[in-house]
Amino acid sequence: SSLDTRMRMGYRTSKPLASPYRVWILQHRWSSGGLRVAVFINGGAGGETEAHEVVRAIERHGHEIVRLLGADDRLERLLEEDADAIVAGGGDGTIASVAKLMAGRAQPLAMLPLGTANNIATNLGCPASVDALISHWSKAPIRHIDLGRVSGPFGERHFLESVGGGLVAETIALMDARPMSDALPPSWRIDRA
């Protein structure tokens, strides 16, 4: 879809980027047999699925893990192996980071939504069950999605699912700047009647 929307405050979006910014997504059909996969799992993504459960499910469905990385590893290491697909297990931030890394590559990205919201996977119609996703890899079709690009005083950034500005962006920046132990100020609290 087109990203023709113009944002206020000097930020602008552009149309979807050319092929160097295209990501191939493994959806529901591939060749028969298991895949050789390089896997990144962000164990701190906020969901309830543990990394060892994901590894067991991948192996149970006949796939071979050629590289397994966690949150402390550099994402670029995913590309060091000759894998049939790259697997990103985590929340929206993890999925988006790996998708940006994969842009312009021939290998497809298989998403495992392990976060709290999982907006990207939901918007792409991925089943909620990690086991169901993994079980479909051997017969999954591959489709492409385009990354978006936004430019502003911060430079140029790419995004996968959404981009925000104005009050939303300012509120997120304010919350990120606060120490986690600080309580919300009284004016931000929501009281139920």
N, C-alpha and C. Protein backbone atom coordinates (compact mmCIF):
# COMPACT_ATOMS: atom_id res chain seq x y z
N SER A 1 0.83 -1.18 0.00
CA SER A 1 0.00 0.00 0.00
C SER A 1 0.87 1.24 0.00
N SER A 2 0.31 2.31 -0.45
CA SER A 2 1.05 3.55 -0.57
C SER A 2 1.15 4.26 0.77
N LEU A 3 2.22 4.94 0.98
CA LEU A 3 2.43 5.70 2.21
C LEU A 3 2.42 7.18 1.86
N ASP A 4 1.39 7.63 1.14
CA ASP A 4 1.33 9.00 0.65
C ASP A 4 0.99 10.02 1.72
N THR A 5 0.61 9.56 2.90
CA THR A 5 0.21 10.49 3.95
C THR A 5 1.36 11.40 4.31
N ARG A 6 1.09 12.66 4.39
CA ARG A 6 2.11 13.62 4.80
C ARG A 6 1.88 13.94 6.27
N MET A 7 2.94 13.89 7.03
CA MET A 7 2.83 14.14 8.46
C MET A 7 3.16 15.59 8.77
N ARG A 8 2.59 16.12 9.83
CA ARG A 8 2.85 17.49 10.24
C ARG A 8 4.23 17.61 10.85
N MET A 9 4.62 18.80 11.17
CA MET A 9 5.87 19.11 11.87
C MET A 9 7.11 18.79 11.04
N GLY A 10 7.02 18.87 9.73
CA GLY A 10 8.20 18.70 8.89
C GLY A 10 8.58 17.27 8.59
N TYR A 11 7.89 16.28 9.15
CA TYR A 11 8.18 14.89 8.84
C TYR A 11 7.40 14.52 7.60
N ARG A 12 7.98 13.72 6.75
CA ARG A 12 7.24 13.31 5.57
C ARG A 12 7.47 11.82 5.34
N THR A 13 6.52 11.20 4.75
CA THR A 13 6.67 9.79 4.38
C THR A 13 6.76 9.72 2.88
N SER A 14 7.21 8.61 2.38
CA SER A 14 7.31 8.45 0.94
C SER A 14 6.56 7.19 0.54
N LYS A 15 6.49 6.97 -0.76
CA LYS A 15 5.88 5.74 -1.26
C LYS A 15 6.76 4.57 -0.85
N PRO A 16 6.22 3.35 -0.88
CA PRO A 16 7.04 2.19 -0.51
C PRO A 16 8.37 2.18 -1.26
N LEU A 17 9.40 1.73 -0.60
CA LEU A 17 10.75 1.76 -1.14
C LEU A 17 10.97 0.68 -2.18
N ALA A 18 11.94 0.91 -3.02
CA ALA A 18 12.28 -0.04 -4.07
C ALA A 18 12.80 -1.34 -3.48
N SER A 19 13.15 -2.28 -4.34
CA SER A 19 13.50 -3.63 -3.92
C SER A 19 14.57 -3.73 -2.83
N PRO A 20 15.56 -2.83 -2.71
CA PRO A 20 16.49 -2.99 -1.59
C PRO A 20 15.79 -2.88 -0.24
N TYR A 21 14.57 -2.39 -0.23
CA TYR A 21 13.83 -2.25 1.02
C TYR A 21 12.60 -3.13 1.03
N ARG A 22 12.68 -4.23 0.34
CA ARG A 22 11.59 -5.19 0.30
C ARG A 22 12.00 -6.38 1.16
N VAL A 23 11.07 -6.87 1.95
CA VAL A 23 11.32 -8.02 2.81
C VAL A 23 10.41 -9.14 2.36
N TRP A 24 10.96 -10.32 2.22
CA TRP A 24 10.18 -11.48 1.83
C TRP A 24 9.74 -12.19 3.10
N ILE A 25 8.45 -12.41 3.22
CA ILE A 25 7.87 -13.01 4.43
C ILE A 25 7.41 -14.42 4.12
N LEU A 26 7.83 -15.37 4.94
CA LEU A 26 7.39 -16.75 4.82
C LEU A 26 6.00 -16.82 5.43
N GLN A 27 4.99 -17.17 4.63
CA GLN A 27 3.62 -17.16 5.13
C GLN A 27 3.06 -18.55 5.35
N HIS A 28 2.75 -19.29 4.30
CA HIS A 28 2.13 -20.59 4.51
C HIS A 28 2.42 -21.67 3.46
N ARG A 29 3.52 -21.62 2.69
CA ARG A 29 3.84 -22.72 1.78
C ARG A 29 5.31 -22.65 1.38
N TRP A 30 6.02 -23.71 1.44
CA TRP A 30 7.44 -23.81 1.06
C TRP A 30 7.62 -25.19 0.47
N SER A 31 8.83 -25.58 0.15
CA SER A 31 9.08 -26.92 -0.37
C SER A 31 8.84 -27.94 0.73
N SER A 32 8.64 -29.18 0.34
CA SER A 32 8.42 -30.22 1.35
C SER A 32 9.72 -30.50 2.09
N GLY A 33 9.61 -31.00 3.30
CA GLY A 33 10.78 -31.28 4.12
C GLY A 33 11.10 -30.10 5.02
N GLY A 34 12.07 -30.31 5.88
CA GLY A 34 12.45 -29.28 6.84
C GLY A 34 13.32 -28.21 6.24
N LEU A 35 13.35 -27.09 6.90
CA LEU A 35 14.17 -25.95 6.48
C LEU A 35 15.40 -25.84 7.37
N ARG A 36 16.44 -25.26 6.80
CA ARG A 36 17.60 -24.86 7.59
C ARG A 36 17.36 -23.40 7.98
N VAL A 37 17.26 -23.13 9.29
CA VAL A 37 16.89 -21.79 9.74
C VAL A 37 17.92 -21.20 10.69
N ALA A 38 18.14 -19.90 10.54
CA ALA A 38 18.92 -19.13 11.50
C ALA A 38 17.89 -18.40 12.36
N VAL A 39 18.01 -18.54 13.67
CA VAL A 39 16.96 -18.10 14.59
C VAL A 39 17.48 -17.06 15.57
N PHE A 40 16.72 -15.97 15.71
CA PHE A 40 16.97 -14.97 16.75
C PHE A 40 15.75 -14.95 17.65
N ILE A 41 15.96 -15.18 18.95
CA ILE A 41 14.86 -15.17 19.91
C ILE A 41 15.15 -14.13 20.98
N ASN A 42 14.25 -13.19 21.11
CA ASN A 42 14.34 -12.19 22.17
C ASN A 42 13.52 -12.71 23.34
N GLY A 43 14.19 -13.35 24.28
CA GLY A 43 13.52 -13.95 25.43
C GLY A 43 12.84 -12.97 26.35
N GLY A 44 13.18 -11.69 26.25
CA GLY A 44 12.57 -10.69 27.12
C GLY A 44 11.45 -9.94 26.43
N ALA A 45 10.83 -10.55 25.43
CA ALA A 45 9.84 -9.85 24.61
C ALA A 45 8.53 -9.57 25.32
N GLY A 46 8.24 -10.21 26.43
CA GLY A 46 7.02 -9.89 27.16
C GLY A 46 5.93 -10.92 27.03
N GLY A 47 6.07 -11.87 26.12
CA GLY A 47 5.07 -12.92 25.98
C GLY A 47 5.34 -14.04 26.96
N GLU A 48 4.59 -15.12 26.83
CA GLU A 48 4.71 -16.22 27.78
C GLU A 48 5.50 -17.41 27.23
N THR A 49 5.88 -17.38 25.95
CA THR A 49 6.60 -18.50 25.34
C THR A 49 8.09 -18.38 25.65
N GLU A 50 8.67 -19.43 26.16
CA GLU A 50 10.09 -19.46 26.50
C GLU A 50 10.91 -19.87 25.27
N ALA A 51 12.16 -19.43 25.24
CA ALA A 51 13.05 -19.73 24.10
C ALA A 51 13.22 -21.23 23.89
N HIS A 52 13.38 -21.99 24.97
CA HIS A 52 13.57 -23.44 24.81
C HIS A 52 12.34 -24.12 24.22
N GLU A 53 11.15 -23.56 24.46
CA GLU A 53 9.92 -24.10 23.86
C GLU A 53 9.93 -23.87 22.35
N VAL A 54 10.42 -22.72 21.92
CA VAL A 54 10.49 -22.40 20.51
C VAL A 54 11.48 -23.35 19.82
N VAL A 55 12.64 -23.54 20.43
CA VAL A 55 13.66 -24.44 19.86
C VAL A 55 13.09 -25.85 19.72
N ARG A 56 12.43 -26.33 20.76
CA ARG A 56 11.84 -27.68 20.69
C ARG A 56 10.79 -27.78 19.59
N ALA A 57 9.96 -26.75 19.44
CA ALA A 57 8.93 -26.77 18.40
C ALA A 57 9.55 -26.78 17.01
N ILE A 58 10.59 -25.98 16.80
CA ILE A 58 11.27 -25.95 15.50
C ILE A 58 11.83 -27.34 15.17
N GLU A 59 12.49 -27.95 16.12
CA GLU A 59 13.07 -29.28 15.89
C GLU A 59 11.99 -30.35 15.74
N ARG A 60 10.91 -30.26 16.51
CA ARG A 60 9.81 -31.22 16.45
C ARG A 60 9.17 -31.23 15.06
N HIS A 61 9.15 -30.09 14.40
CA HIS A 61 8.55 -30.00 13.06
C HIS A 61 9.56 -30.30 11.95
N GLY A 62 10.74 -30.81 12.30
CA GLY A 62 11.70 -31.29 11.32
C GLY A 62 12.62 -30.26 10.71
N HIS A 63 12.71 -29.09 11.33
CA HIS A 63 13.61 -28.04 10.81
C HIS A 63 14.94 -28.10 11.54
N GLU A 64 15.98 -27.66 10.85
CA GLU A 64 17.33 -27.66 11.43
C GLU A 64 17.74 -26.24 11.77
N ILE A 65 18.14 -26.03 13.01
CA ILE A 65 18.62 -24.71 13.43
C ILE A 65 20.11 -24.65 13.14
N VAL A 66 20.51 -23.78 12.21
CA VAL A 66 21.92 -23.66 11.85
C VAL A 66 22.61 -22.55 12.64
N ARG A 67 21.83 -21.66 13.23
CA ARG A 67 22.37 -20.63 14.12
C ARG A 67 21.25 -20.20 15.06
N LEU A 68 21.58 -20.11 16.36
CA LEU A 68 20.61 -19.69 17.36
C LEU A 68 21.20 -18.52 18.13
N LEU A 69 20.53 -17.38 18.07
CA LEU A 69 21.00 -16.16 18.73
C LEU A 69 19.96 -15.66 19.72
N GLY A 70 20.45 -14.97 20.73
CA GLY A 70 19.57 -14.38 21.73
C GLY A 70 19.76 -12.88 21.79
N ALA A 71 19.08 -12.26 22.74
CA ALA A 71 19.04 -10.80 22.86
C ALA A 71 20.42 -10.16 23.02
N ASP A 72 21.39 -10.90 23.54
CA ASP A 72 22.73 -10.34 23.74
C ASP A 72 23.61 -10.44 22.49
N ASP A 73 23.12 -11.11 21.45
CA ASP A 73 23.90 -11.29 20.23
C ASP A 73 23.59 -10.22 19.20
N ARG A 74 24.54 -9.97 18.30
CA ARG A 74 24.33 -9.02 17.20
C ARG A 74 23.44 -9.67 16.14
N LEU A 75 22.43 -8.95 15.71
CA LEU A 75 21.50 -9.46 14.70
C LEU A 75 22.21 -9.85 13.40
N GLU A 76 23.25 -9.12 13.03
CA GLU A 76 23.96 -9.38 11.77
C GLU A 76 24.48 -10.80 11.69
N ARG A 77 24.69 -11.43 12.83
CA ARG A 77 25.21 -12.81 12.83
C ARG A 77 24.21 -13.79 12.23
N LEU A 78 22.92 -13.40 12.14
CA LEU A 78 21.92 -14.26 11.49
C LEU A 78 22.28 -14.52 10.04
N LEU A 79 22.96 -13.58 9.42
CA LEU A 79 23.23 -13.66 7.99
C LEU A 79 24.51 -14.43 7.67
N GLU A 80 25.22 -14.89 8.69
CA GLU A 80 26.50 -15.57 8.48
C GLU A 80 26.34 -17.03 8.03
N GLU A 81 25.16 -17.60 8.20
CA GLU A 81 24.94 -19.00 7.83
C GLU A 81 24.15 -19.07 6.52
N ASP A 82 24.30 -20.19 5.84
CA ASP A 82 23.53 -20.44 4.62
C ASP A 82 22.21 -21.08 5.04
N ALA A 83 21.24 -20.25 5.41
CA ALA A 83 19.96 -20.74 5.89
C ALA A 83 18.88 -20.55 4.83
N ASP A 84 17.87 -21.44 4.86
CA ASP A 84 16.73 -21.29 3.95
C ASP A 84 15.85 -20.12 4.35
N ALA A 85 15.81 -19.83 5.65
CA ALA A 85 14.99 -18.73 6.15
C ALA A 85 15.61 -18.19 7.43
N ILE A 86 15.29 -16.94 7.73
CA ILE A 86 15.70 -16.30 8.97
C ILE A 86 14.46 -16.21 9.84
N VAL A 87 14.58 -16.60 11.11
CA VAL A 87 13.45 -16.61 12.03
C VAL A 87 13.67 -15.52 13.08
N ALA A 88 12.65 -14.67 13.25
CA ALA A 88 12.68 -13.65 14.29
C ALA A 88 11.60 -13.95 15.30
N GLY A 89 12.02 -14.29 16.51
CA GLY A 89 11.07 -14.57 17.58
C GLY A 89 11.15 -13.47 18.62
N GLY A 90 10.05 -12.75 18.80
CA GLY A 90 10.04 -11.67 19.76
C GLY A 90 8.82 -10.79 19.55
N GLY A 91 8.89 -9.60 20.09
CA GLY A 91 7.79 -8.65 19.93
C GLY A 91 7.95 -7.84 18.65
N ASP A 92 7.14 -6.82 18.53
CA ASP A 92 7.15 -5.98 17.33
C ASP A 92 8.51 -5.34 17.08
N GLY A 93 9.20 -4.92 18.13
CA GLY A 93 10.52 -4.32 17.97
C GLY A 93 11.53 -5.29 17.39
N THR A 94 11.52 -6.53 17.87
CA THR A 94 12.42 -7.56 17.36
C THR A 94 12.10 -7.88 15.91
N ILE A 95 10.82 -8.10 15.62
CA ILE A 95 10.42 -8.43 14.24
C ILE A 95 10.82 -7.31 13.29
N ALA A 96 10.57 -6.07 13.67
CA ALA A 96 10.91 -4.92 12.81
C ALA A 96 12.42 -4.81 12.62
N SER A 97 13.19 -5.01 13.67
CA SER A 97 14.66 -4.92 13.56
C SER A 97 15.21 -5.96 12.60
N VAL A 98 14.74 -7.20 12.72
CA VAL A 98 15.22 -8.26 11.83
C VAL A 98 14.73 -8.00 10.41
N ALA A 99 13.50 -7.52 10.24
CA ALA A 99 12.98 -7.23 8.89
C ALA A 99 13.83 -6.16 8.22
N LYS A 100 14.22 -5.12 8.96
CA LYS A 100 15.07 -4.07 8.37
C LYS A 100 16.43 -4.63 7.98
N LEU A 101 16.95 -5.54 8.78
CA LEU A 101 18.22 -6.20 8.46
C LEU A 101 18.09 -7.04 7.18
N MET A 102 16.93 -7.65 6.98
CA MET A 102 16.70 -8.56 5.86
C MET A 102 16.37 -7.84 4.55
N ALA A 103 16.11 -6.56 4.60
CA ALA A 103 15.67 -5.82 3.41
C ALA A 103 16.63 -6.03 2.24
N GLY A 104 16.05 -6.37 1.10
CA GLY A 104 16.84 -6.56 -0.12
C GLY A 104 17.49 -7.92 -0.26
N ARG A 105 17.32 -8.80 0.70
CA ARG A 105 17.91 -10.14 0.65
C ARG A 105 16.91 -11.13 0.08
N ALA A 106 17.42 -12.23 -0.45
CA ALA A 106 16.56 -13.25 -1.03
C ALA A 106 15.95 -14.18 0.02
N GLN A 107 16.61 -14.32 1.16
CA GLN A 107 16.08 -15.21 2.20
C GLN A 107 14.78 -14.64 2.77
N PRO A 108 13.80 -15.50 3.01
CA PRO A 108 12.58 -15.01 3.64
C PRO A 108 12.72 -14.92 5.16
N LEU A 109 11.86 -14.13 5.74
CA LEU A 109 11.79 -13.95 7.19
C LEU A 109 10.56 -14.69 7.70
N ALA A 110 10.76 -15.54 8.68
CA ALA A 110 9.64 -16.21 9.36
C ALA A 110 9.48 -15.54 10.71
N MET A 111 8.28 -15.04 10.98
CA MET A 111 8.03 -14.33 12.24
C MET A 111 7.41 -15.27 13.27
N LEU A 112 7.92 -15.17 14.49
CA LEU A 112 7.31 -15.87 15.62
C LEU A 112 6.92 -14.80 16.62
N PRO A 113 5.64 -14.42 16.68
CA PRO A 113 5.21 -13.35 17.58
C PRO A 113 5.24 -13.80 19.04
N LEU A 114 6.24 -13.34 19.77
CA LEU A 114 6.42 -13.74 21.17
C LEU A 114 6.23 -12.57 22.13
N GLY A 115 5.80 -11.44 21.62
CA GLY A 115 5.67 -10.25 22.45
C GLY A 115 4.30 -10.12 23.09
N THR A 116 4.05 -8.93 23.58
CA THR A 116 2.78 -8.66 24.24
C THR A 116 1.70 -8.29 23.22
N ALA A 117 1.96 -7.32 22.37
CA ALA A 117 0.94 -6.84 21.43
C ALA A 117 0.96 -7.61 20.11
N ASN A 118 2.14 -7.87 19.55
CA ASN A 118 2.29 -8.59 18.29
C ASN A 118 1.48 -7.96 17.15
N ASN A 119 1.55 -6.64 17.04
CA ASN A 119 0.79 -5.93 16.01
C ASN A 119 1.20 -6.32 14.60
N ILE A 120 2.48 -6.49 14.36
CA ILE A 120 2.95 -6.80 13.00
C ILE A 120 2.38 -8.13 12.55
N ALA A 121 2.54 -9.17 13.36
CA ALA A 121 2.04 -10.49 12.99
C ALA A 121 0.53 -10.48 12.83
N THR A 122 -0.16 -9.78 13.71
CA THR A 122 -1.62 -9.70 13.63
C THR A 122 -2.05 -9.02 12.33
N ASN A 123 -1.41 -7.90 12.00
CA ASN A 123 -1.77 -7.17 10.78
C ASN A 123 -1.44 -7.95 9.50
N LEU A 124 -0.49 -8.87 9.59
CA LEU A 124 -0.15 -9.70 8.42
C LEU A 124 -0.94 -11.00 8.40
N GLY A 125 -1.82 -11.20 9.38
CA GLY A 125 -2.67 -12.38 9.40
C GLY A 125 -2.00 -13.66 9.85
N CYS A 126 -0.94 -13.55 10.64
CA CYS A 126 -0.25 -14.74 11.13
C CYS A 126 -1.09 -15.38 12.25
N PRO A 127 -1.15 -16.72 12.28
CA PRO A 127 -1.85 -17.39 13.38
C PRO A 127 -1.22 -17.02 14.72
N ALA A 128 -2.00 -17.02 15.77
CA ALA A 128 -1.52 -16.64 17.08
C ALA A 128 -0.59 -17.68 17.69
N SER A 129 -0.76 -18.94 17.35
CA SER A 129 0.03 -20.01 17.94
C SER A 129 1.39 -20.15 17.27
N VAL A 130 2.44 -20.11 18.07
CA VAL A 130 3.80 -20.29 17.56
C VAL A 130 3.93 -21.66 16.92
N ASP A 131 3.37 -22.68 17.56
CA ASP A 131 3.44 -24.04 17.02
C ASP A 131 2.76 -24.13 15.66
N ALA A 132 1.61 -23.46 15.52
CA ALA A 132 0.90 -23.47 14.23
C ALA A 132 1.73 -22.80 13.14
N LEU A 133 2.39 -21.70 13.47
CA LEU A 133 3.25 -21.03 12.49
C LEU A 133 4.38 -21.94 12.03
N ILE A 134 5.07 -22.53 12.99
CA ILE A 134 6.21 -23.40 12.67
C ILE A 134 5.76 -24.60 11.85
N SER A 135 4.61 -25.15 12.17
CA SER A 135 4.13 -26.34 11.44
C SER A 135 3.83 -26.03 9.97
N HIS A 136 3.60 -24.77 9.62
CA HIS A 136 3.30 -24.38 8.24
C HIS A 136 4.52 -23.99 7.42
N TRP A 137 5.67 -23.86 8.04
CA TRP A 137 6.84 -23.38 7.31
C TRP A 137 7.15 -24.19 6.06
N SER A 138 7.05 -25.52 6.14
CA SER A 138 7.43 -26.37 5.00
C SER A 138 6.51 -26.20 3.80
N LYS A 139 5.34 -25.61 4.01
CA LYS A 139 4.41 -25.42 2.88
C LYS A 139 3.95 -23.97 2.74
N ALA A 140 4.69 -23.05 3.33
CA ALA A 140 4.29 -21.64 3.32
C ALA A 140 4.70 -20.93 2.04
N PRO A 141 3.78 -20.13 1.44
CA PRO A 141 4.18 -19.31 0.30
C PRO A 141 5.02 -18.14 0.80
N ILE A 142 5.76 -17.57 -0.08
CA ILE A 142 6.57 -16.40 0.27
C ILE A 142 5.93 -15.19 -0.39
N ARG A 143 5.74 -14.12 0.38
CA ARG A 143 5.23 -12.89 -0.20
C ARG A 143 6.13 -11.75 0.26
N HIS A 144 6.08 -10.65 -0.47
CA HIS A 144 6.94 -9.53 -0.08
C HIS A 144 6.11 -8.46 0.62
N ILE A 145 6.79 -7.74 1.48
CA ILE A 145 6.23 -6.54 2.08
C ILE A 145 7.27 -5.44 1.92
N ASP A 146 6.82 -4.22 1.83
CA ASP A 146 7.72 -3.09 1.68
C ASP A 146 7.92 -2.38 3.01
N LEU A 147 9.13 -1.95 3.26
CA LEU A 147 9.40 -1.11 4.41
C LEU A 147 9.03 0.32 4.05
N GLY A 148 8.59 1.07 5.04
CA GLY A 148 8.35 2.49 4.83
C GLY A 148 9.58 3.29 5.21
N ARG A 149 9.60 4.53 4.79
CA ARG A 149 10.72 5.40 5.12
C ARG A 149 10.15 6.74 5.56
N VAL A 150 10.69 7.26 6.66
CA VAL A 150 10.27 8.57 7.14
C VAL A 150 11.54 9.40 7.33
N SER A 151 11.45 10.68 6.96
CA SER A 151 12.58 11.60 7.08
C SER A 151 12.17 12.78 7.94
N GLY A 152 13.09 13.29 8.70
CA GLY A 152 12.83 14.45 9.54
C GLY A 152 14.13 14.98 10.10
N PRO A 153 14.06 15.83 11.12
CA PRO A 153 15.27 16.38 11.72
C PRO A 153 16.20 15.31 12.29
N PHE A 154 15.65 14.14 12.58
CA PHE A 154 16.42 13.02 13.13
C PHE A 154 17.16 12.26 12.04
N GLY A 155 16.91 12.58 10.80
CA GLY A 155 17.51 11.86 9.69
C GLY A 155 16.46 11.01 8.98
N GLU A 156 16.90 9.91 8.44
CA GLU A 156 15.99 9.01 7.73
C GLU A 156 15.90 7.69 8.49
N ARG A 157 14.70 7.20 8.67
CA ARG A 157 14.49 5.92 9.36
C ARG A 157 13.52 5.07 8.55
N HIS A 158 13.69 3.77 8.67
CA HIS A 158 12.79 2.83 8.01
C HIS A 158 11.91 2.19 9.07
N PHE A 159 10.70 1.82 8.66
CA PHE A 159 9.78 1.19 9.59
C PHE A 159 9.01 0.10 8.87
N LEU A 160 8.47 -0.80 9.65
CA LEU A 160 7.76 -1.94 9.07
C LEU A 160 6.25 -1.78 9.17
N GLU A 161 5.74 -1.53 10.34
CA GLU A 161 4.30 -1.56 10.51
C GLU A 161 3.66 -0.20 10.65
N SER A 162 4.28 0.68 11.39
CA SER A 162 3.66 1.97 11.62
C SER A 162 4.72 3.00 12.01
N VAL A 163 4.32 4.24 11.92
CA VAL A 163 5.16 5.34 12.35
C VAL A 163 4.25 6.33 13.05
N GLY A 164 4.76 6.95 14.09
CA GLY A 164 3.92 7.90 14.83
C GLY A 164 4.62 9.22 14.98
N GLY A 165 3.85 10.23 15.23
CA GLY A 165 4.41 11.56 15.43
C GLY A 165 3.54 12.34 16.37
N GLY A 166 3.96 13.55 16.68
CA GLY A 166 3.16 14.43 17.52
C GLY A 166 3.08 13.95 18.96
N LEU A 167 1.88 13.98 19.53
CA LEU A 167 1.67 13.66 20.93
C LEU A 167 2.10 12.23 21.27
N VAL A 168 1.81 11.27 20.40
CA VAL A 168 2.19 9.88 20.65
C VAL A 168 3.70 9.76 20.78
N ALA A 169 4.43 10.32 19.83
CA ALA A 169 5.89 10.23 19.85
C ALA A 169 6.47 10.96 21.07
N GLU A 170 5.92 12.13 21.39
CA GLU A 170 6.42 12.87 22.56
C GLU A 170 6.16 12.12 23.86
N THR A 171 4.99 11.51 23.98
CA THR A 171 4.66 10.75 25.19
C THR A 171 5.58 9.55 25.34
N ILE A 172 5.84 8.85 24.24
CA ILE A 172 6.76 7.71 24.30
C ILE A 172 8.15 8.17 24.72
N ALA A 173 8.63 9.27 24.16
CA ALA A 173 9.95 9.79 24.52
C ALA A 173 9.99 10.17 25.99
N LEU A 174 8.95 10.80 26.50
CA LEU A 174 8.89 11.16 27.92
C LEU A 174 8.92 9.92 28.81
N MET A 175 8.14 8.91 28.44
CA MET A 175 8.10 7.68 29.25
C MET A 175 9.43 6.93 29.18
N ASP A 176 10.06 6.91 28.01
CA ASP A 176 11.36 6.24 27.89
C ASP A 176 12.43 6.94 28.73
N ALA A 177 12.31 8.24 28.92
CA ALA A 177 13.30 9.01 29.66
C ALA A 177 13.15 8.83 31.17
N ARG A 178 12.01 8.36 31.62
CA ARG A 178 11.75 8.20 33.06
C ARG A 178 12.34 6.89 33.55
N PRO A 179 12.93 6.88 34.73
CA PRO A 179 13.36 5.60 35.32
C PRO A 179 12.15 4.71 35.55
N MET A 180 12.33 3.43 35.35
CA MET A 180 11.22 2.49 35.49
C MET A 180 10.60 2.51 36.89
N SER A 181 11.37 2.86 37.91
CA SER A 181 10.86 2.82 39.29
C SER A 181 9.97 4.01 39.62
N ASP A 182 10.01 5.07 38.80
CA ASP A 182 9.18 6.24 39.07
C ASP A 182 7.71 5.93 38.81
N ALA A 183 6.87 6.36 39.71
CA ALA A 183 5.43 6.23 39.51
C ALA A 183 4.98 7.32 38.56
N LEU A 184 3.86 7.09 37.90
CA LEU A 184 3.31 8.13 37.03
C LEU A 184 2.90 9.33 37.85
N PRO A 185 3.07 10.53 37.32
CA PRO A 185 2.60 11.72 38.05
C PRO A 185 1.07 11.66 38.18
N PRO A 186 0.52 12.28 39.24
CA PRO A 186 -0.94 12.22 39.46
C PRO A 186 -1.75 12.64 38.27
N SER A 187 -1.28 13.60 37.48
CA SER A 187 -2.05 14.06 36.33
C SER A 187 -2.15 13.01 35.23
N TRP A 188 -1.29 11.95 35.25
CA TRP A 188 -1.29 10.93 34.22
C TRP A 188 -2.08 9.70 34.65
N ARG A 189 -2.46 9.64 35.92
CA ARG A 189 -3.16 8.46 36.43
C ARG A 189 -4.59 8.44 35.92
N ILE A 190 -5.09 7.26 35.73
CA ILE A 190 -6.48 7.10 35.31
C ILE A 190 -7.24 6.51 36.49
N ASP A 191 -8.21 7.22 36.95
CA ASP A 191 -9.05 6.74 38.05
C ASP A 191 -10.34 6.20 37.48
N ARG A 192 -10.77 5.08 38.04
CA ARG A 192 -12.04 4.49 37.58
C ARG A 192 -13.15 4.97 38.49
N ALA A 193 -14.27 5.29 37.91
CA ALA A 193 -15.41 5.77 38.68
C ALA A 193 -16.19 4.61 39.26
